[in-house]
Amino acid sequence: MSANDPPIKVTDQNTETFSDLQRRHRSEQKELQAKVIQKKKGATKSTRKAINSECEILEKNLGAKHKQELMRLNDEVVEFEKSDDANQRPLNKCSSNCENSAAKSCNNDELSTSMKSFAPTQSVPSGEVAPKKRNRQKERLARRAAELQVSVDDAQKEASNQLDKRALERKAISDQMHSKGLSEKVIRPDGHCLFSAVADQLVQIGVSLGEGADGLKEYQLYTVVRKAAAKYIESHPDEFIGWLDEPLIHYVEKIRDTAEWGGHLELLALSRFYNVVITIIQDGASHNIEPSFTENRHPANIWLAYYRHGYGLGEHYNSLRQITLNTEA
């Protein structure tokens, strides 16, 4: 979809309850989020701006669609209430008129008959209360309101749980950072975060990124690290092919040329390519990815923070730098 495409049409959901509508909206939001993630993962340097714009349009259109559907359902509730009031007024008015007429002319048989038809409470024995007629429309409205409140409560609970997970994860990582004398360098969450974080760490410890790094700006260094990971995987297929569900050449091309997210395989490749130990700090734990078959028995160490809940688009890596104290007088 592009900016010139027609807006999303609101589907006819008259038979939906508030609960059904809320569930469908959550499902559509999750589907769109997955679609946006896939689009951004497949973006290249030349297409990233257009894809980001397209994703924004998709999100705005879905939000507008959901808003229209909620307004439509709300209008339907209001119409039910108006209809119910209109249905009740003629009966009350007629009953009142008949009672007044009967009071003025008790001997008029026609009015007496009318009185009986509109005032069935006269047949109720003295001292007893007539049963109240059920108003099914109001009962339906009450049920819908209750369902809506349940949906709202569930959504608030889900949002609260998500916030709690983010806060707990961030505190756990922060505590580990401080205990190890590390400070966090925030990396842009653009699909290249793993490679950008590794690039930042290698620069900090003075390890050359490789051919093509000279002259690049800081935010461009991930391109060299991507090529390094792709090169190692391509030249050592036996170490990686068992973990892939697609041809090796296609996987290598995605890692090298697109915004495909990196993971454990790429960290392993980079650890061996640059001969460094990569320590990853995450919620409540840390683990090392070490190079193998190296002559250097004391390889340098680089540090990354890994978040599962802290960022809207999903998993994310930041660089963790050693805190240096200025000891000069």
C-alpha atoms as a PDB file:
ATOM      1  CA  MET A   1       0.000   0.000   0.000  1.00  0.00           C
ATOM      2  CA  SER A   2       1.236   3.503  -0.805  1.00  0.00           C
ATOM      3  CA  ALA A   3       0.114   7.015   0.019  1.00  0.00           C
ATOM      4  CA  ASN A   4      -2.006   7.084  -3.171  1.00  0.00           C
ATOM      5  CA  ASP A   5      -3.943   3.948  -2.312  1.00  0.00           C
ATOM      6  CA  PRO A   6      -7.587   4.358  -1.225  1.00  0.00           C
ATOM      7  CA  PRO A   7      -8.269   4.231   2.513  1.00  0.00           C
ATOM      8  CA  ILE A   8      -9.185   0.968   4.168  1.00  0.00           C
ATOM      9  CA  LYS A   9     -12.939   0.427   4.086  1.00  0.00           C
ATOM     10  CA  VAL A  10     -14.740  -0.287   7.309  1.00  0.00           C
ATOM     11  CA  THR A  11     -16.305  -3.702   7.131  1.00  0.00           C
ATOM     12  CA  ASP A  12     -19.865  -4.254   8.231  1.00  0.00           C
ATOM     13  CA  GLN A  13     -19.629  -5.674  11.724  1.00  0.00           C
ATOM     14  CA  ASN A  14     -23.206  -5.019  12.957  1.00  0.00           C
ATOM     15  CA  THR A  15     -23.471  -8.479  14.465  1.00  0.00           C
ATOM     16  CA  GLU A  16     -20.298  -8.097  16.561  1.00  0.00           C
ATOM     17  CA  THR A  17     -20.373  -7.563  20.290  1.00  0.00           C
ATOM     18  CA  PHE A  18     -17.965  -5.154  21.947  1.00  0.00           C
ATOM     19  CA  SER A  19     -15.903  -8.119  23.098  1.00  0.00           C
ATOM     20  CA  ASP A  20     -15.763  -9.555  19.568  1.00  0.00           C
ATOM     21  CA  LEU A  21     -14.721  -6.185  18.179  1.00  0.00           C
ATOM     22  CA  GLN A  22     -11.951  -5.742  20.740  1.00  0.00           C
ATOM     23  CA  ARG A  23     -10.594  -9.236  20.070  1.00  0.00           C
ATOM     24  CA  ARG A  24     -10.613  -8.661  16.316  1.00  0.00           C
ATOM     25  CA  HIS A  25      -8.861  -5.315  16.706  1.00  0.00           C
ATOM     26  CA  ARG A  26      -6.116  -6.865  18.840  1.00  0.00           C
ATOM     27  CA  SER A  27      -5.683  -9.648  16.284  1.00  0.00           C
ATOM     28  CA  GLU A  28      -5.445  -7.177  13.389  1.00  0.00           C
ATOM     29  CA  GLN A  29      -2.929  -5.052  15.303  1.00  0.00           C
ATOM     30  CA  LYS A  30      -0.729  -8.089  15.950  1.00  0.00           C
ATOM     31  CA  GLU A  31      -0.939  -9.126  12.290  1.00  0.00           C
ATOM     32  CA  LEU A  32       0.019  -5.623  11.168  1.00  0.00           C
ATOM     33  CA  GLN A  33       2.916  -5.491  13.631  1.00  0.00           C
ATOM     34  CA  ALA A  34       4.259  -8.772  12.246  1.00  0.00           C
ATOM     35  CA  LYS A  35       3.854  -7.454   8.703  1.00  0.00           C
ATOM     36  CA  VAL A  36       5.669  -4.212   9.568  1.00  0.00           C
ATOM     37  CA  ILE A  37       8.530  -6.132  11.157  1.00  0.00           C
ATOM     38  CA  GLN A  38       8.933  -8.311   8.067  1.00  0.00           C
ATOM     39  CA  LYS A  39       8.877  -5.288   5.769  1.00  0.00           C
ATOM     40  CA  LYS A  40      11.510  -3.468   7.821  1.00  0.00           C
ATOM     41  CA  LYS A  41      13.671  -6.570   8.028  1.00  0.00           C
ATOM     42  CA  GLY A  42      13.638  -6.809   4.241  1.00  0.00           C
ATOM     43  CA  ALA A  43      14.453  -3.140   3.685  1.00  0.00           C
ATOM     44  CA  THR A  44      17.699  -2.109   2.045  1.00  0.00           C
ATOM     45  CA  LYS A  45      19.500   1.173   2.386  1.00  0.00           C
ATOM     46  CA  SER A  46      17.828   2.508  -0.760  1.00  0.00           C
ATOM     47  CA  THR A  47      14.314   1.326   0.129  1.00  0.00           C
ATOM     48  CA  ARG A  48      14.282   1.894   3.889  1.00  0.00           C
ATOM     49  CA  LYS A  49      12.735   5.379   3.726  1.00  0.00           C
ATOM     50  CA  ALA A  50       9.923   4.262   1.422  1.00  0.00           C
ATOM     51  CA  ILE A  51       9.198   1.167   3.505  1.00  0.00           C
ATOM     52  CA  ASN A  52       9.113   3.186   6.736  1.00  0.00           C
ATOM     53  CA  SER A  53       6.651   5.574   5.098  1.00  0.00           C
ATOM     54  CA  GLU A  54       4.533   2.672   3.875  1.00  0.00           C
ATOM     55  CA  CYS A  55       4.483   1.132   7.363  1.00  0.00           C
ATOM     56  CA  GLU A  56       3.354   4.433   8.875  1.00  0.00           C
ATOM     57  CA  ILE A  57       0.492   4.610   6.363  1.00  0.00           C
ATOM     58  CA  LEU A  58      -0.550   1.036   7.150  1.00  0.00           C
ATOM     59  CA  GLU A  59      -0.598   1.787  10.876  1.00  0.00           C
ATOM     60  CA  LYS A  60      -2.557   5.042  10.409  1.00  0.00           C
ATOM     61  CA  ASN A  61      -5.106   3.356   8.131  1.00  0.00           C
ATOM     62  CA  LEU A  62      -5.661   0.508  10.567  1.00  0.00           C
ATOM     63  CA  GLY A  63      -6.053   2.968  13.436  1.00  0.00           C
ATOM     64  CA  ALA A  64      -8.615   4.972  11.431  1.00  0.00           C
ATOM     65  CA  LYS A  65     -10.481   1.789  10.527  1.00  0.00           C
ATOM     66  CA  HIS A  66     -10.670   0.691  14.164  1.00  0.00           C
ATOM     67  CA  LYS A  67     -11.817   4.153  15.245  1.00  0.00           C
ATOM     68  CA  GLN A  68     -14.613   4.168  12.655  1.00  0.00           C
ATOM     69  CA  GLU A  69     -15.768   0.715  13.708  1.00  0.00           C
ATOM     70  CA  LEU A  70     -15.877   1.730  17.372  1.00  0.00           C
ATOM     71  CA  MET A  71     -17.833   4.887  16.475  1.00  0.00           C
ATOM     72  CA  ARG A  72     -20.247   2.850  14.382  1.00  0.00           C
ATOM     73  CA  LEU A  73     -20.871   0.393  17.200  1.00  0.00           C
ATOM     74  CA  ASN A  74     -21.338   3.275  19.643  1.00  0.00           C
ATOM     75  CA  ASP A  75     -23.878   4.897  17.279  1.00  0.00           C
ATOM     76  CA  GLU A  76     -25.743   1.610  17.141  1.00  0.00           C
ATOM     77  CA  VAL A  77     -26.033   1.595  20.940  1.00  0.00           C
ATOM     78  CA  VAL A  78     -27.362   5.167  20.909  1.00  0.00           C
ATOM     79  CA  GLU A  79     -29.930   4.248  18.248  1.00  0.00           C
ATOM     80  CA  PHE A  80     -31.091   1.331  20.399  1.00  0.00           C
ATOM     81  CA  GLU A  81     -31.664   3.701  23.299  1.00  0.00           C
ATOM     82  CA  LYS A  82     -33.570   6.215  21.156  1.00  0.00           C
ATOM     83  CA  SER A  83     -35.664   3.463  19.628  1.00  0.00           C
ATOM     84  CA  ASP A  84     -36.477   2.078  23.051  1.00  0.00           C
ATOM     85  CA  ASP A  85     -37.624   5.501  24.315  1.00  0.00           C
ATOM     86  CA  ALA A  86     -39.739   6.058  21.207  1.00  0.00           C
ATOM     87  CA  ASN A  87     -41.413   2.671  21.606  1.00  0.00           C
ATOM     88  CA  GLN A  88     -42.278   3.378  25.224  1.00  0.00           C
ATOM     89  CA  ARG A  89     -43.737   6.907  24.824  1.00  0.00           C
ATOM     90  CA  PRO A  90     -46.854   6.121  22.696  1.00  0.00           C
ATOM     91  CA  LEU A  91     -48.003   3.468  25.134  1.00  0.00           C
ATOM     92  CA  ASN A  92     -47.585   5.738  28.143  1.00  0.00           C
ATOM     93  CA  LYS A  93     -49.353   8.620  26.414  1.00  0.00           C
ATOM     94  CA  CYS A  94     -52.248   6.458  25.334  1.00  0.00           C
ATOM     95  CA  SER A  95     -52.621   4.963  28.790  1.00  0.00           C
ATOM     96  CA  SER A  96     -52.703   8.425  30.349  1.00  0.00           C
ATOM     97  CA  ASN A  97     -55.338   9.656  27.878  1.00  0.00           C
ATOM     98  CA  CYS A  98     -57.502   6.648  28.487  1.00  0.00           C
ATOM     99  CA  GLU A  99     -57.311   7.086  32.247  1.00  0.00           C
ATOM    100  CA  ASN A 100     -58.346  10.753  31.965  1.00  0.00           C
ATOM    101  CA  SER A 101     -61.223   9.895  29.664  1.00  0.00           C
ATOM    102  CA  ALA A 102     -62.414   7.190  32.014  1.00  0.00           C
ATOM    103  CA  ALA A 103     -62.391   9.604  34.929  1.00  0.00           C
ATOM    104  CA  LYS A 104     -64.586  12.063  32.982  1.00  0.00           C
ATOM    105  CA  SER A 105     -67.034   9.533  31.523  1.00  0.00           C
ATOM    106  CA  CYS A 106     -67.260   6.371  33.560  1.00  0.00           C
ATOM    107  CA  ASN A 107     -70.406   5.194  31.716  1.00  0.00           C
ATOM    108  CA  ASN A 108     -68.847   5.281  28.227  1.00  0.00           C
ATOM    109  CA  ASP A 109     -68.492   1.613  27.219  1.00  0.00           C
ATOM    110  CA  GLU A 110     -66.027   2.339  24.412  1.00  0.00           C
ATOM    111  CA  LEU A 111     -63.668   4.185  26.710  1.00  0.00           C
ATOM    112  CA  SER A 112     -64.065   1.484  29.339  1.00  0.00           C
ATOM    113  CA  THR A 113     -63.042  -1.117  26.793  1.00  0.00           C
ATOM    114  CA  SER A 114     -60.087   1.041  25.758  1.00  0.00           C
ATOM    115  CA  MET A 115     -59.190   1.494  29.395  1.00  0.00           C
ATOM    116  CA  LYS A 116     -59.114  -2.235  29.922  1.00  0.00           C
ATOM    117  CA  SER A 117     -56.906  -2.798  26.897  1.00  0.00           C
ATOM    118  CA  PHE A 118     -54.339  -0.202  27.941  1.00  0.00           C
ATOM    119  CA  ALA A 119     -54.471  -0.655  31.694  1.00  0.00           C
ATOM    120  CA  PRO A 120     -53.979  -4.345  32.394  1.00  0.00           C
ATOM    121  CA  THR A 121     -52.864  -3.512  35.937  1.00  0.00           C
ATOM    122  CA  GLN A 122     -56.501  -3.139  36.922  1.00  0.00           C
ATOM    123  CA  SER A 123     -56.820  -6.915  36.985  1.00  0.00           C
ATOM    124  CA  VAL A 124     -54.081  -7.198  39.610  1.00  0.00           C
ATOM    125  CA  PRO A 125     -55.570  -7.871  43.070  1.00  0.00           C
ATOM    126  CA  SER A 126     -55.310  -5.058  45.597  1.00  0.00           C
ATOM    127  CA  GLY A 127     -52.065  -5.074  47.577  1.00  0.00           C
ATOM    128  CA  GLU A 128     -50.051  -6.924  44.902  1.00  0.00           C
ATOM    129  CA  VAL A 129     -47.420  -5.394  42.597  1.00  0.00           C
ATOM    130  CA  ALA A 130     -47.726  -6.123  38.885  1.00  0.00           C
ATOM    131  CA  PRO A 131     -44.656  -7.835  37.385  1.00  0.00           C
ATOM    132  CA  LYS A 132     -42.469  -5.408  35.462  1.00  0.00           C
ATOM    133  CA  LYS A 133     -42.308  -6.035  31.743  1.00  0.00           C
ATOM    134  CA  ARG A 134     -38.828  -7.044  30.549  1.00  0.00           C
ATOM    135  CA  ASN A 135     -37.074  -4.580  28.320  1.00  0.00           C
ATOM    136  CA  ARG A 136     -34.979  -6.842  26.132  1.00  0.00           C
ATOM    137  CA  GLN A 137     -33.293  -3.986  24.275  1.00  0.00           C
ATOM    138  CA  LYS A 138     -31.962  -2.499  27.495  1.00  0.00           C
ATOM    139  CA  GLU A 139     -30.842  -5.948  28.609  1.00  0.00           C
ATOM    140  CA  ARG A 140     -28.861  -6.348  25.381  1.00  0.00           C
ATOM    141  CA  LEU A 141     -27.306  -2.921  25.853  1.00  0.00           C
ATOM    142  CA  ALA A 142     -26.372  -3.796  29.422  1.00  0.00           C
ATOM    143  CA  ARG A 143     -24.736  -7.032  28.280  1.00  0.00           C
ATOM    144  CA  ARG A 144     -22.766  -5.181  25.617  1.00  0.00           C
ATOM    145  CA  ALA A 145     -21.633  -2.579  28.122  1.00  0.00           C
ATOM    146  CA  ALA A 146     -20.487  -5.342  30.479  1.00  0.00           C
ATOM    147  CA  GLU A 147     -18.611  -7.097  27.663  1.00  0.00           C
ATOM    148  CA  LEU A 148     -16.946  -3.825  26.683  1.00  0.00           C
ATOM    149  CA  GLN A 149     -15.829  -3.215  30.260  1.00  0.00           C
ATOM    150  CA  VAL A 150     -14.349  -6.718  30.457  1.00  0.00           C
ATOM    151  CA  SER A 151     -12.449  -6.084  27.204  1.00  0.00           C
ATOM    152  CA  VAL A 152     -11.175  -2.736  28.476  1.00  0.00           C
ATOM    153  CA  ASP A 153     -10.054  -4.332  31.751  1.00  0.00           C
ATOM    154  CA  ASP A 154      -8.263  -7.126  29.857  1.00  0.00           C
ATOM    155  CA  ALA A 155      -6.507  -4.619  27.590  1.00  0.00           C
ATOM    156  CA  GLN A 156      -5.393  -2.533  30.572  1.00  0.00           C
ATOM    157  CA  LYS A 157      -4.137  -5.632  32.358  1.00  0.00           C
ATOM    158  CA  GLU A 158      -2.206  -6.744  29.274  1.00  0.00           C
ATOM    159  CA  ALA A 159      -0.643  -3.291  28.896  1.00  0.00           C
ATOM    160  CA  SER A 160       0.242  -3.224  32.593  1.00  0.00           C
ATOM    161  CA  ASN A 161       1.890  -6.645  32.369  1.00  0.00           C
ATOM    162  CA  GLN A 162       3.904  -5.522  29.342  1.00  0.00           C
ATOM    163  CA  LEU A 163       5.090  -2.413  31.179  1.00  0.00           C
ATOM    164  CA  ASP A 164       6.039  -4.546  34.165  1.00  0.00           C
ATOM    165  CA  LYS A 165       8.095  -6.870  31.946  1.00  0.00           C
ATOM    166  CA  ARG A 166       9.931  -3.938  30.403  1.00  0.00           C
ATOM    167  CA  ALA A 167      10.666  -2.358  33.770  1.00  0.00           C
ATOM    168  CA  LEU A 168      11.829  -5.619  35.335  1.00  0.00           C
ATOM    169  CA  GLU A 169      14.026  -6.466  32.353  1.00  0.00           C
ATOM    170  CA  ARG A 170      15.620  -3.024  32.286  1.00  0.00           C
ATOM    171  CA  LYS A 171      16.328  -3.128  36.027  1.00  0.00           C
ATOM    172  CA  ALA A 172      17.902  -6.596  35.799  1.00  0.00           C
ATOM    173  CA  ILE A 173      20.185  -5.517  32.945  1.00  0.00           C
ATOM    174  CA  SER A 174      21.016  -2.223  34.658  1.00  0.00           C
ATOM    175  CA  ASP A 175      22.013  -4.017  37.863  1.00  0.00           C
ATOM    176  CA  GLN A 176      24.349  -6.354  35.956  1.00  0.00           C
ATOM    177  CA  MET A 177      25.862  -3.441  34.037  1.00  0.00           C
ATOM    178  CA  HIS A 178      26.674  -1.525  37.202  1.00  0.00           C
ATOM    179  CA  SER A 179      28.162  -4.567  38.900  1.00  0.00           C
ATOM    180  CA  LYS A 180      30.532  -5.048  35.952  1.00  0.00           C
ATOM    181  CA  GLY A 181      31.439  -1.371  35.517  1.00  0.00           C
ATOM    182  CA  LEU A 182      29.634  -0.935  32.206  1.00  0.00           C
ATOM    183  CA  SER A 183      27.655   1.910  30.671  1.00  0.00           C
ATOM    184  CA  GLU A 184      25.090   1.527  27.912  1.00  0.00           C
ATOM    185  CA  LYS A 185      25.474   2.939  24.420  1.00  0.00           C
ATOM    186  CA  VAL A 186      21.961   2.998  22.943  1.00  0.00           C
ATOM    187  CA  ILE A 187      21.833   1.660  19.395  1.00  0.00           C
ATOM    188  CA  ARG A 188      19.187   2.704  16.897  1.00  0.00           C
ATOM    189  CA  PRO A 189      16.473  -0.028  16.577  1.00  0.00           C
ATOM    190  CA  ASP A 190      16.498  -0.269  12.790  1.00  0.00           C
ATOM    191  CA  GLY A 191      17.080  -3.971  12.086  1.00  0.00           C
ATOM    192  CA  HIS A 192      20.882  -3.538  12.139  1.00  0.00           C
ATOM    193  CA  CYS A 193      21.217  -3.174  15.926  1.00  0.00           C
ATOM    194  CA  LEU A 194      23.255  -6.358  16.507  1.00  0.00           C
ATOM    195  CA  PHE A 195      25.820  -5.423  13.855  1.00  0.00           C
ATOM    196  CA  SER A 196      25.928  -1.758  14.935  1.00  0.00           C
ATOM    197  CA  ALA A 197      26.468  -2.782  18.564  1.00  0.00           C
ATOM    198  CA  VAL A 198      29.304  -5.153  17.617  1.00  0.00           C
ATOM    199  CA  ALA A 199      30.871  -2.434  15.450  1.00  0.00           C
ATOM    200  CA  ASP A 200      30.763   0.018  18.362  1.00  0.00           C
ATOM    201  CA  GLN A 201      32.395  -2.530  20.674  1.00  0.00           C
ATOM    202  CA  LEU A 202      35.166  -3.408  18.229  1.00  0.00           C
ATOM    203  CA  VAL A 203      35.982   0.275  17.748  1.00  0.00           C
ATOM    204  CA  GLN A 204      36.153   0.717  21.543  1.00  0.00           C
ATOM    205  CA  ILE A 205      38.792  -2.017  21.944  1.00  0.00           C
ATOM    206  CA  GLY A 206      40.740  -1.048  18.820  1.00  0.00           C
ATOM    207  CA  VAL A 207      39.929  -4.050  16.612  1.00  0.00           C
ATOM    208  CA  SER A 208      39.835  -3.283  12.890  1.00  0.00           C
ATOM    209  CA  LEU A 209      36.402  -3.853  11.364  1.00  0.00           C
ATOM    210  CA  GLY A 210      37.879  -4.764   8.024  1.00  0.00           C
ATOM    211  CA  GLU A 211      38.028  -3.514   4.477  1.00  0.00           C
ATOM    212  CA  GLY A 212      35.726  -0.616   3.675  1.00  0.00           C
ATOM    213  CA  ALA A 213      35.393   0.777   7.199  1.00  0.00           C
ATOM    214  CA  ASP A 214      37.659   3.773   6.653  1.00  0.00           C
ATOM    215  CA  GLY A 215      35.718   6.912   5.820  1.00  0.00           C
ATOM    216  CA  LEU A 216      32.370   5.572   7.004  1.00  0.00           C
ATOM    217  CA  LYS A 217      30.349   7.414   9.616  1.00  0.00           C
ATOM    218  CA  GLU A 218      29.563   5.707  12.901  1.00  0.00           C
ATOM    219  CA  TYR A 219      26.002   4.802  11.932  1.00  0.00           C
ATOM    220  CA  GLN A 220      27.262   3.196   8.689  1.00  0.00           C
ATOM    221  CA  LEU A 221      29.797   0.811  10.231  1.00  0.00           C
ATOM    222  CA  TYR A 222      27.230  -1.979  10.553  1.00  0.00           C
ATOM    223  CA  THR A 223      27.558  -2.565   6.791  1.00  0.00           C
ATOM    224  CA  VAL A 224      31.158  -3.756   7.213  1.00  0.00           C
ATOM    225  CA  VAL A 225      30.220  -6.017  10.135  1.00  0.00           C
ATOM    226  CA  ARG A 226      27.337  -7.517   8.144  1.00  0.00           C
ATOM    227  CA  LYS A 227      29.746  -8.380   5.339  1.00  0.00           C
ATOM    228  CA  ALA A 228      32.134  -9.968   7.839  1.00  0.00           C
ATOM    229  CA  ALA A 229      29.389 -12.200   9.271  1.00  0.00           C
ATOM    230  CA  ALA A 230      28.178 -13.172   5.801  1.00  0.00           C
ATOM    231  CA  LYS A 231      31.716 -13.913   4.638  1.00  0.00           C
ATOM    232  CA  TYR A 232      32.453 -16.206   7.578  1.00  0.00           C
ATOM    233  CA  ILE A 233      29.165 -18.111   7.230  1.00  0.00           C
ATOM    234  CA  GLU A 234      29.672 -18.529   3.486  1.00  0.00           C
ATOM    235  CA  SER A 235      33.232 -19.799   3.903  1.00  0.00           C
ATOM    236  CA  HIS A 236      32.331 -22.201   6.755  1.00  0.00           C
ATOM    237  CA  PRO A 237      29.074 -23.816   5.566  1.00  0.00           C
ATOM    238  CA  ASP A 238      29.477 -26.971   7.652  1.00  0.00           C
ATOM    239  CA  GLU A 239      29.255 -24.929  10.851  1.00  0.00           C
ATOM    240  CA  PHE A 240      25.930 -23.310   9.934  1.00  0.00           C
ATOM    241  CA  ILE A 241      24.008 -25.204   7.267  1.00  0.00           C
ATOM    242  CA  GLY A 242      22.410 -27.542   9.803  1.00  0.00           C
ATOM    243  CA  TRP A 243      20.702 -24.562  11.459  1.00  0.00           C
ATOM    244  CA  LEU A 244      19.252 -23.069   8.287  1.00  0.00           C
ATOM    245  CA  ASP A 245      15.833 -23.705   6.752  1.00  0.00           C
ATOM    246  CA  GLU A 246      16.773 -22.156   3.408  1.00  0.00           C
ATOM    247  CA  PRO A 247      19.689 -22.423   0.944  1.00  0.00           C
ATOM    248  CA  LEU A 248      22.934 -21.082   2.369  1.00  0.00           C
ATOM    249  CA  ILE A 249      23.460 -18.643  -0.487  1.00  0.00           C
ATOM    250  CA  HIS A 250      20.059 -17.021   0.087  1.00  0.00           C
ATOM    251  CA  TYR A 251      20.708 -16.703   3.805  1.00  0.00           C
ATOM    252  CA  VAL A 252      24.126 -15.145   3.231  1.00  0.00           C
ATOM    253  CA  GLU A 253      22.650 -12.613   0.803  1.00  0.00           C
ATOM    254  CA  LYS A 254      20.017 -11.541   3.335  1.00  0.00           C
ATOM    255  CA  ILE A 255      22.586 -11.077   6.100  1.00  0.00           C
ATOM    256  CA  ARG A 256      24.940  -9.151   3.833  1.00  0.00           C
ATOM    257  CA  ASP A 257      22.545  -7.008   1.777  1.00  0.00           C
ATOM    258  CA  THR A 258      19.298  -6.455   3.741  1.00  0.00           C
ATOM    259  CA  ALA A 259      18.058  -5.411   7.178  1.00  0.00           C
ATOM    260  CA  GLU A 260      17.571  -9.049   8.204  1.00  0.00           C
ATOM    261  CA  TRP A 261      17.825  -9.282  11.982  1.00  0.00           C
ATOM    262  CA  GLY A 262      20.899 -10.963  13.377  1.00  0.00           C
ATOM    263  CA  GLY A 263      20.897 -13.618  16.072  1.00  0.00           C
ATOM    264  CA  HIS A 264      23.010 -16.346  17.628  1.00  0.00           C
ATOM    265  CA  LEU A 265      24.435 -17.605  14.312  1.00  0.00           C
ATOM    266  CA  GLU A 266      25.650 -14.146  13.364  1.00  0.00           C
ATOM    267  CA  LEU A 267      27.168 -13.583  16.810  1.00  0.00           C
ATOM    268  CA  LEU A 268      28.978 -16.907  16.525  1.00  0.00           C
ATOM    269  CA  ALA A 269      30.291 -15.979  13.072  1.00  0.00           C
ATOM    270  CA  LEU A 270      31.459 -12.557  14.279  1.00  0.00           C
ATOM    271  CA  SER A 271      33.124 -14.017  17.368  1.00  0.00           C
ATOM    272  CA  ARG A 272      35.184 -16.299  15.160  1.00  0.00           C
ATOM    273  CA  PHE A 273      35.825 -13.774  12.388  1.00  0.00           C
ATOM    274  CA  TYR A 274      37.135 -11.081  14.764  1.00  0.00           C
ATOM    275  CA  ASN A 275      38.524 -13.543  17.358  1.00  0.00           C
ATOM    276  CA  VAL A 276      36.691 -12.006  20.308  1.00  0.00           C
ATOM    277  CA  VAL A 277      34.585 -13.278  23.185  1.00  0.00           C
ATOM    278  CA  ILE A 278      31.093 -11.777  23.008  1.00  0.00           C
ATOM    279  CA  THR A 279      29.423 -11.522  26.413  1.00  0.00           C
ATOM    280  CA  ILE A 280      25.685 -10.946  26.254  1.00  0.00           C
ATOM    281  CA  ILE A 281      23.872  -9.549  29.284  1.00  0.00           C
ATOM    282  CA  GLN A 282      20.143 -10.140  29.369  1.00  0.00           C
ATOM    283  CA  ASP A 283      17.302 -10.388  31.867  1.00  0.00           C
ATOM    284  CA  GLY A 284      18.758 -12.094  34.926  1.00  0.00           C
ATOM    285  CA  ALA A 285      21.638 -13.839  33.147  1.00  0.00           C
ATOM    286  CA  SER A 286      24.693 -13.481  30.947  1.00  0.00           C
ATOM    287  CA  HIS A 287      26.488 -15.868  28.623  1.00  0.00           C
ATOM    288  CA  ASN A 288      29.572 -15.925  26.423  1.00  0.00           C
ATOM    289  CA  ILE A 289      30.016 -16.737  22.761  1.00  0.00           C
ATOM    290  CA  GLU A 290      33.637 -17.711  22.264  1.00  0.00           C
ATOM    291  CA  PRO A 291      35.834 -18.224  19.213  1.00  0.00           C
ATOM    292  CA  SER A 292      37.149 -21.720  18.627  1.00  0.00           C
ATOM    293  CA  PHE A 293      40.383 -23.165  17.278  1.00  0.00           C
ATOM    294  CA  THR A 294      42.250 -19.943  17.875  1.00  0.00           C
ATOM    295  CA  GLU A 295      45.918 -19.522  18.636  1.00  0.00           C
ATOM    296  CA  ASN A 296      45.144 -16.548  20.849  1.00  0.00           C
ATOM    297  CA  ARG A 297      44.242 -18.024  24.216  1.00  0.00           C
ATOM    298  CA  HIS A 298      43.235 -14.656  25.617  1.00  0.00           C
ATOM    299  CA  PRO A 299      40.984 -13.028  23.021  1.00  0.00           C
ATOM    300  CA  ALA A 300      39.525  -9.613  23.701  1.00  0.00           C
ATOM    301  CA  ASN A 301      36.073  -9.336  25.254  1.00  0.00           C
ATOM    302  CA  ILE A 302      33.159  -7.266  23.962  1.00  0.00           C
ATOM    303  CA  TRP A 303      29.823  -6.689  25.713  1.00  0.00           C
ATOM    304  CA  LEU A 304      26.248  -6.468  24.461  1.00  0.00           C
ATOM    305  CA  ALA A 305      22.890  -5.948  26.189  1.00  0.00           C
ATOM    306  CA  TYR A 306      20.002  -7.995  24.814  1.00  0.00           C
ATOM    307  CA  TYR A 307      16.386  -6.862  25.289  1.00  0.00           C
ATOM    308  CA  ARG A 308      13.286  -8.937  24.607  1.00  0.00           C
ATOM    309  CA  HIS A 309      10.630  -6.546  25.941  1.00  0.00           C
ATOM    310  CA  GLY A 310      12.230  -3.116  26.018  1.00  0.00           C
ATOM    311  CA  TYR A 311      11.585  -2.061  22.427  1.00  0.00           C
ATOM    312  CA  GLY A 312       8.357  -1.915  20.436  1.00  0.00           C
ATOM    313  CA  LEU A 313       9.502  -3.873  17.382  1.00  0.00           C
ATOM    314  CA  GLY A 314      10.878  -6.803  19.370  1.00  0.00           C
ATOM    315  CA  GLU A 315      14.379  -8.031  20.216  1.00  0.00           C
ATOM    316  CA  HIS A 316      17.156  -5.465  20.429  1.00  0.00           C
ATOM    317  CA  TYR A 317      20.895  -5.182  21.146  1.00  0.00           C
ATOM    318  CA  ASN A 318      22.786  -2.267  22.702  1.00  0.00           C
ATOM    319  CA  SER A 319      26.526  -1.808  23.149  1.00  0.00           C
ATOM    320  CA  LEU A 320      27.977  -1.896  26.685  1.00  0.00           C
ATOM    321  CA  ARG A 321      31.122   0.164  27.103  1.00  0.00           C
ATOM    322  CA  GLN A 322      33.622  -0.045  29.934  1.00  0.00           C
ATOM    323  CA  ILE A 323      33.360   2.917  32.302  1.00  0.00           C
ATOM    324  CA  THR A 324      36.679   4.789  32.372  1.00  0.00           C
ATOM    325  CA  LEU A 325      37.485   6.990  35.367  1.00  0.00           C
ATOM    326  CA  ASN A 326      39.489  10.174  34.932  1.00  0.00           C
ATOM    327  CA  THR A 327      42.297   9.862  37.469  1.00  0.00           C
ATOM    328  CA  GLU A 328      44.065  13.088  36.504  1.00  0.00           C
ATOM    329  CA  ALA A 329      44.276  15.759  39.201  1.00  0.00           C
END
